[in-house]
Amino acid sequence: MIWVIMLGFAIWGAAVLAPAGPINAVGGFIAGAIVGPFGVWWAYHERGRVMRVCPACRSWTSPSATVCRHCGRDIPPPSSPAA
């Protein structure tokens, strides 16, 4: 049910935010209907994936990374939560 609501908001947002040029509200509605499900699919598949932040350059890195791909510095291992 939540996916239907999210899809509705995506379609509504595209229709409201569409510029009044070659793409009008109807075109924005259609674009949102086409593109919206991809955003829902991506959010579904990315859930549970935890990203880490490089302490040197503040870029997002993989949870298993030991070296930042942006600045090349070592990333300390994640600290385990206190028991």
C-alpha atoms as a PDB file:
ATOM      1  CA  MET A   1       0.000   0.000   0.000  1.00  0.00           C
ATOM      2  CA  ILE A   2       2.852   2.383   0.793  1.00  0.00           C
ATOM      3  CA  TRP A   3       4.229   1.892  -2.737  1.00  0.00           C
ATOM      4  CA  VAL A   4       0.946   3.078  -4.235  1.00  0.00           C
ATOM      5  CA  ILE A   5       1.044   6.211  -2.079  1.00  0.00           C
ATOM      6  CA  MET A   6       4.693   6.885  -2.996  1.00  0.00           C
ATOM      7  CA  LEU A   7       3.911   6.408  -6.684  1.00  0.00           C
ATOM      8  CA  GLY A   8       0.995   8.811  -6.355  1.00  0.00           C
ATOM      9  CA  PHE A   9       3.232  11.458  -4.795  1.00  0.00           C
ATOM     10  CA  ALA A  10       5.832  10.964  -7.544  1.00  0.00           C
ATOM     11  CA  ILE A  11       3.214  11.429 -10.249  1.00  0.00           C
ATOM     12  CA  TRP A  12       1.643  14.408  -8.492  1.00  0.00           C
ATOM     13  CA  GLY A  13       5.052  16.034  -7.957  1.00  0.00           C
ATOM     14  CA  ALA A  14       5.993  15.647 -11.599  1.00  0.00           C
ATOM     15  CA  ALA A  15       2.680  17.157 -12.693  1.00  0.00           C
ATOM     16  CA  VAL A  16       2.949  20.121 -10.325  1.00  0.00           C
ATOM     17  CA  LEU A  17       6.624  20.861 -10.926  1.00  0.00           C
ATOM     18  CA  ALA A  18       6.493  20.524 -14.719  1.00  0.00           C
ATOM     19  CA  PRO A  19       7.481  23.768 -16.471  1.00  0.00           C
ATOM     20  CA  ALA A  20       4.892  25.489 -18.629  1.00  0.00           C
ATOM     21  CA  GLY A  21       6.928  25.129 -21.817  1.00  0.00           C
ATOM     22  CA  PRO A  22       7.047  22.105 -24.079  1.00  0.00           C
ATOM     23  CA  ILE A  23       6.193  19.914 -21.084  1.00  0.00           C
ATOM     24  CA  ASN A  24       2.930  20.940 -19.489  1.00  0.00           C
ATOM     25  CA  ALA A  25       1.153  19.394 -16.498  1.00  0.00           C
ATOM     26  CA  VAL A  26      -0.144  16.474 -18.565  1.00  0.00           C
ATOM     27  CA  GLY A  27       3.340  15.771 -19.890  1.00  0.00           C
ATOM     28  CA  GLY A  28       4.729  15.990 -16.373  1.00  0.00           C
ATOM     29  CA  PHE A  29       2.072  13.578 -15.152  1.00  0.00           C
ATOM     30  CA  ILE A  30       2.966  11.099 -17.880  1.00  0.00           C
ATOM     31  CA  ALA A  31       6.725  11.513 -17.204  1.00  0.00           C
ATOM     32  CA  GLY A  32       6.135  10.917 -13.493  1.00  0.00           C
ATOM     33  CA  ALA A  33       4.083   7.812 -14.252  1.00  0.00           C
ATOM     34  CA  ILE A  34       6.922   6.456 -16.384  1.00  0.00           C
ATOM     35  CA  VAL A  35       9.888   7.420 -14.159  1.00  0.00           C
ATOM     36  CA  GLY A  36       8.237   7.079 -10.723  1.00  0.00           C
ATOM     37  CA  PRO A  37       8.271   3.256 -10.577  1.00  0.00           C
ATOM     38  CA  PHE A  38      12.036   3.248 -11.188  1.00  0.00           C
ATOM     39  CA  GLY A  39      12.527   5.423  -8.096  1.00  0.00           C
ATOM     40  CA  VAL A  40      10.337   3.103  -6.047  1.00  0.00           C
ATOM     41  CA  TRP A  41      12.258   0.066  -7.333  1.00  0.00           C
ATOM     42  CA  TRP A  42      15.609   1.711  -6.491  1.00  0.00           C
ATOM     43  CA  ALA A  43      14.479   2.639  -2.971  1.00  0.00           C
ATOM     44  CA  TYR A  44      13.264  -0.923  -2.422  1.00  0.00           C
ATOM     45  CA  HIS A  45      16.570  -2.475  -3.507  1.00  0.00           C
ATOM     46  CA  GLU A  46      18.744   0.001  -1.578  1.00  0.00           C
ATOM     47  CA  ARG A  47      17.014  -0.528   1.768  1.00  0.00           C
ATOM     48  CA  GLY A  48      19.245  -2.023   4.401  1.00  0.00           C
ATOM     49  CA  ARG A  49      22.433  -1.016   2.597  1.00  0.00           C
ATOM     50  CA  VAL A  50      24.438   1.038   5.038  1.00  0.00           C
ATOM     51  CA  MET A  51      26.957   3.469   3.618  1.00  0.00           C
ATOM     52  CA  ARG A  52      29.890   4.939   5.514  1.00  0.00           C
ATOM     53  CA  VAL A  53      31.445   8.382   5.283  1.00  0.00           C
ATOM     54  CA  CYS A  54      35.162   8.909   4.715  1.00  0.00           C
ATOM     55  CA  PRO A  55      36.523  10.906   7.664  1.00  0.00           C
ATOM     56  CA  ALA A  56      38.989  12.786   5.414  1.00  0.00           C
ATOM     57  CA  CYS A  57      36.904  13.932   2.433  1.00  0.00           C
ATOM     58  CA  ARG A  58      33.369  13.246   3.743  1.00  0.00           C
ATOM     59  CA  SER A  59      32.333  11.251   0.646  1.00  0.00           C
ATOM     60  CA  TRP A  60      30.092   8.186   0.857  1.00  0.00           C
ATOM     61  CA  THR A  61      31.896   4.861   0.682  1.00  0.00           C
ATOM     62  CA  SER A  62      31.019   1.193   0.692  1.00  0.00           C
ATOM     63  CA  PRO A  63      30.648  -0.466   4.103  1.00  0.00           C
ATOM     64  CA  SER A  64      33.454  -2.903   3.256  1.00  0.00           C
ATOM     65  CA  ALA A  65      35.894  -0.271   1.927  1.00  0.00           C
ATOM     66  CA  THR A  66      39.294   0.060   3.574  1.00  0.00           C
ATOM     67  CA  VAL A  67      40.555   2.869   1.297  1.00  0.00           C
ATOM     68  CA  CYS A  68      38.501   5.822   0.062  1.00  0.00           C
ATOM     69  CA  ARG A  69      38.109   5.773  -3.715  1.00  0.00           C
ATOM     70  CA  HIS A  70      37.930   9.580  -3.828  1.00  0.00           C
ATOM     71  CA  CYS A  71      40.887  10.732  -1.720  1.00  0.00           C
ATOM     72  CA  GLY A  72      42.855   7.464  -1.367  1.00  0.00           C
ATOM     73  CA  ARG A  73      43.158   7.629   2.416  1.00  0.00           C
ATOM     74  CA  ASP A  74      42.667   4.688   4.743  1.00  0.00           C
ATOM     75  CA  ILE A  75      39.238   4.298   6.297  1.00  0.00           C
ATOM     76  CA  PRO A  76      39.192   2.942   9.850  1.00  0.00           C
ATOM     77  CA  PRO A  77      37.110  -0.178  10.420  1.00  0.00           C
ATOM     78  CA  PRO A  78      33.566   0.476  11.624  1.00  0.00           C
ATOM     79  CA  SER A  79      33.252   0.635  15.365  1.00  0.00           C
ATOM     80  CA  SER A  80      31.019  -2.030  16.838  1.00  0.00           C
ATOM     81  CA  PRO A  81      28.133  -0.768  18.975  1.00  0.00           C
ATOM     82  CA  ALA A  82      28.674  -0.902  22.712  1.00  0.00           C
ATOM     83  CA  ALA A  83      27.042  -3.903  24.298  1.00  0.00           C
END
